[in-house]
């Protein structure tokens, strides 16, 4: 979770030439703007890495950082201006929830009405329910506490996953597993070595939720004290997560209730 060592009501949509266009009574199509949280519930360097991942995706986002000390605070109005909200890595879940609980209802409603949520490590934990935003058809738990986990440290390390049937190595720091209902209609992107879910995309109302336990946004500077990744520094898994979330229902601009 924490890189400690280094720092609406929708009317019918009309399809014209393959493009979804909102009718006069429906909400507007969202701009490709991403809000990335940066504040006391994130760790230094994590929001910036997520921002660069979004800016380098196949269809780049216009990234704005939001938070209590940013020019743009995390508010219902700010969410209404964006198509995607990203919650990056941070500290312990209980400590982060102190700062994020006040935003839970706004984030849930925004996703329910068409927003896209991305959660990285702590952001994945926060997508769960105990505590969290309750965006998943299930909950989260610590990978290092799961049966047959090969990781026994809460510090920075690497973890082996199977991502779309390909064996890959990723930066990892006490990230979650996603414990989903058996009947949940989800797309599992990756599993840890013990079979637990490491990355998944699901619907939530009209919105989409993509979460990952390891860090596909990890940059070269994250690998310190002799830590290396045999796969090299690659961002294709993060881009796959973003693209999978984006392949959802039409993104309708949420207008918050007065």
Foldseek 3Di string as FASTA:
>chain_A
DELVPDWAPADDWDADPNDTAGDPPGFGFADQAEEEEDDQQAIPPFSVLLQVLQCPFPPHGHYDYEDDPGPHHPDLVVLLNHQEYEYTHGDDLVVSCVVCVVCLVSVLNSQQHFHEYEYEFSHQQQCAPPPHSVQAQAHKDWQCPDPPRPDPDQHWAKFWKQFPNRIFIFIAGRGIFGDHDPPAPKAQGMAGPVGTGAWIKHGRNNHIYIYGGTDLSDDPVSQDPPHDTPVHNDNVVVSVSVVVRVPGDRGGRDDDDD
